[in-house]
């Protein structure tokens, strides 16, 4: 026997918002842990987490109603924060990848000089 459960867009939006909030909190926590080893890297990760957290919060009805935001404005703010989080994450990977490659090349060059 199968049952067809219809999901409304409101249910899926609230699930996405809750996941975004949860992931944002986890990323902020990880960033705080990384701060002791690398203050700049940790701050960058915290900024990514805060952007994800805000994206999820702006997507919820409770925050939108509390701030008096129209649904279109809430969607714009949520997507903007998601885009900011993605941009920060890509920039973090690109900058750290370039730094890693530079350190690796410098280490190999110094090993060859010995």
Protein backbone atom coordinates (compact mmCIF):
# COMPACT_ATOMS: atom_id res chain seq x y z
CA UNK A 1 0.00 0.00 0.00
CA UNK A 2 1.43 3.36 -0.95
CA UNK A 3 0.47 6.75 0.28
CA UNK A 4 0.92 9.97 -1.58
CA UNK A 5 2.00 12.74 0.71
CA UNK A 6 1.88 16.14 -0.84
CA UNK A 7 4.55 18.53 0.27
CA UNK A 8 3.79 22.18 -0.01
CA UNK A 9 6.48 24.64 -0.95
CA UNK A 10 6.24 26.07 2.57
CA UNK A 11 7.28 22.74 4.09
CA UNK A 12 10.25 22.35 1.76
CA UNK A 13 11.28 25.98 2.30
CA UNK A 14 11.21 25.54 6.07
CA UNK A 15 13.31 22.36 5.76
CA UNK A 16 15.89 24.16 3.63
CA UNK A 17 15.89 27.09 6.08
CA UNK A 18 16.37 24.76 9.05
CA UNK A 19 19.24 22.95 7.30
CA UNK A 20 20.85 26.26 6.40
CA UNK A 21 20.61 27.43 10.00
CA UNK A 22 22.02 24.15 11.33
CA UNK A 23 24.90 24.10 8.85
CA UNK A 24 25.59 27.77 9.56
CA UNK A 25 25.83 27.09 13.30
CA UNK A 26 28.18 24.14 12.68
CA UNK A 27 30.39 26.18 10.36
CA UNK A 28 30.58 29.05 12.87
CA UNK A 29 31.58 26.56 15.58
CA UNK A 30 34.25 25.06 13.34
CA UNK A 31 35.53 28.53 12.50
CA UNK A 32 35.83 29.35 16.19
CA UNK A 33 37.89 26.19 16.69
CA UNK A 34 40.16 27.06 13.75
CA UNK A 35 40.73 30.59 15.07
CA UNK A 36 43.28 29.35 17.61
CA UNK A 37 45.47 27.92 14.81
CA UNK A 38 44.82 30.59 12.19
CA UNK A 39 42.98 33.76 13.23
CA UNK A 40 42.38 34.97 9.67
CA UNK A 41 41.26 31.57 8.40
CA UNK A 42 39.01 31.07 11.40
CA UNK A 43 37.43 34.49 10.97
CA UNK A 44 36.84 33.74 7.30
CA UNK A 45 35.12 30.44 8.15
CA UNK A 46 33.02 32.19 10.81
CA UNK A 47 31.93 34.75 8.18
CA UNK A 48 30.83 31.91 5.87
CA UNK A 49 28.84 30.36 8.72
CA UNK A 50 27.19 33.65 9.64
CA UNK A 51 26.15 34.20 6.02
CA UNK A 52 24.60 30.71 5.93
CA UNK A 53 22.90 31.30 9.26
CA UNK A 54 21.43 34.61 8.09
CA UNK A 55 20.30 33.00 4.86
CA UNK A 56 18.33 30.42 6.79
CA UNK A 57 16.94 32.95 9.24
CA UNK A 58 15.71 35.28 6.51
CA UNK A 59 13.98 32.32 4.84
CA UNK A 60 11.82 31.59 7.90
CA UNK A 61 8.36 33.05 8.30
CA UNK A 62 8.93 33.92 11.95
CA UNK A 63 11.89 36.19 11.27
CA UNK A 64 10.24 37.70 8.21
CA UNK A 65 7.10 38.53 10.15
CA UNK A 66 9.08 39.85 13.11
CA UNK A 67 11.07 42.20 10.86
CA UNK A 68 8.04 43.09 8.74
CA UNK A 69 9.58 41.83 5.50
CA UNK A 70 7.52 40.99 2.45
CA UNK A 71 8.00 37.46 1.04
CA UNK A 72 9.87 38.79 -2.00
CA UNK A 73 12.24 40.79 0.18
CA UNK A 74 12.83 37.78 2.46
CA UNK A 75 13.66 35.67 -0.59
CA UNK A 76 16.06 38.31 -1.90
CA UNK A 77 17.84 38.60 1.45
CA UNK A 78 18.05 34.82 1.81
CA UNK A 79 19.45 34.35 -1.69
CA UNK A 80 21.85 37.26 -1.21
CA UNK A 81 23.25 35.75 1.98
CA UNK A 82 23.51 32.34 0.28
CA UNK A 83 25.40 33.92 -2.60
CA UNK A 84 27.71 35.72 -0.17
CA UNK A 85 28.42 32.44 1.64
CA UNK A 86 29.19 30.71 -1.66
CA UNK A 87 31.44 33.57 -2.78
CA UNK A 88 33.32 33.55 0.53
CA UNK A 89 33.73 29.76 0.39
CA UNK A 90 35.07 29.80 -3.19
CA UNK A 91 37.44 32.66 -2.39
CA UNK A 92 38.66 30.81 0.71
CA UNK A 93 39.44 27.68 -1.32
CA UNK A 94 41.13 29.64 -4.13
CA UNK A 95 43.28 31.74 -1.80
CA UNK A 96 44.25 28.84 0.45
CA UNK A 97 44.94 26.63 -2.59
CA UNK A 98 47.26 29.25 -4.04
CA UNK A 99 48.99 29.69 -0.68
CA UNK A 100 49.44 25.94 -0.32
CA UNK A 101 50.93 25.63 -3.82
CA UNK A 102 53.33 28.52 -3.15
CA UNK A 103 54.49 26.99 0.14
CA UNK A 104 54.86 23.60 -1.54
CA UNK A 105 56.98 25.07 -4.36
CA UNK A 106 59.14 27.02 -1.90
CA UNK A 107 59.64 23.88 0.21
CA UNK A 108 60.62 21.84 -2.86
CA UNK A 109 63.04 24.54 -4.03
CA UNK A 110 64.73 24.70 -0.62
CA UNK A 111 65.01 20.90 -0.54
CA UNK A 112 66.72 20.94 -3.96
CA UNK A 113 69.21 23.57 -2.80
CA UNK A 114 70.42 21.35 0.05
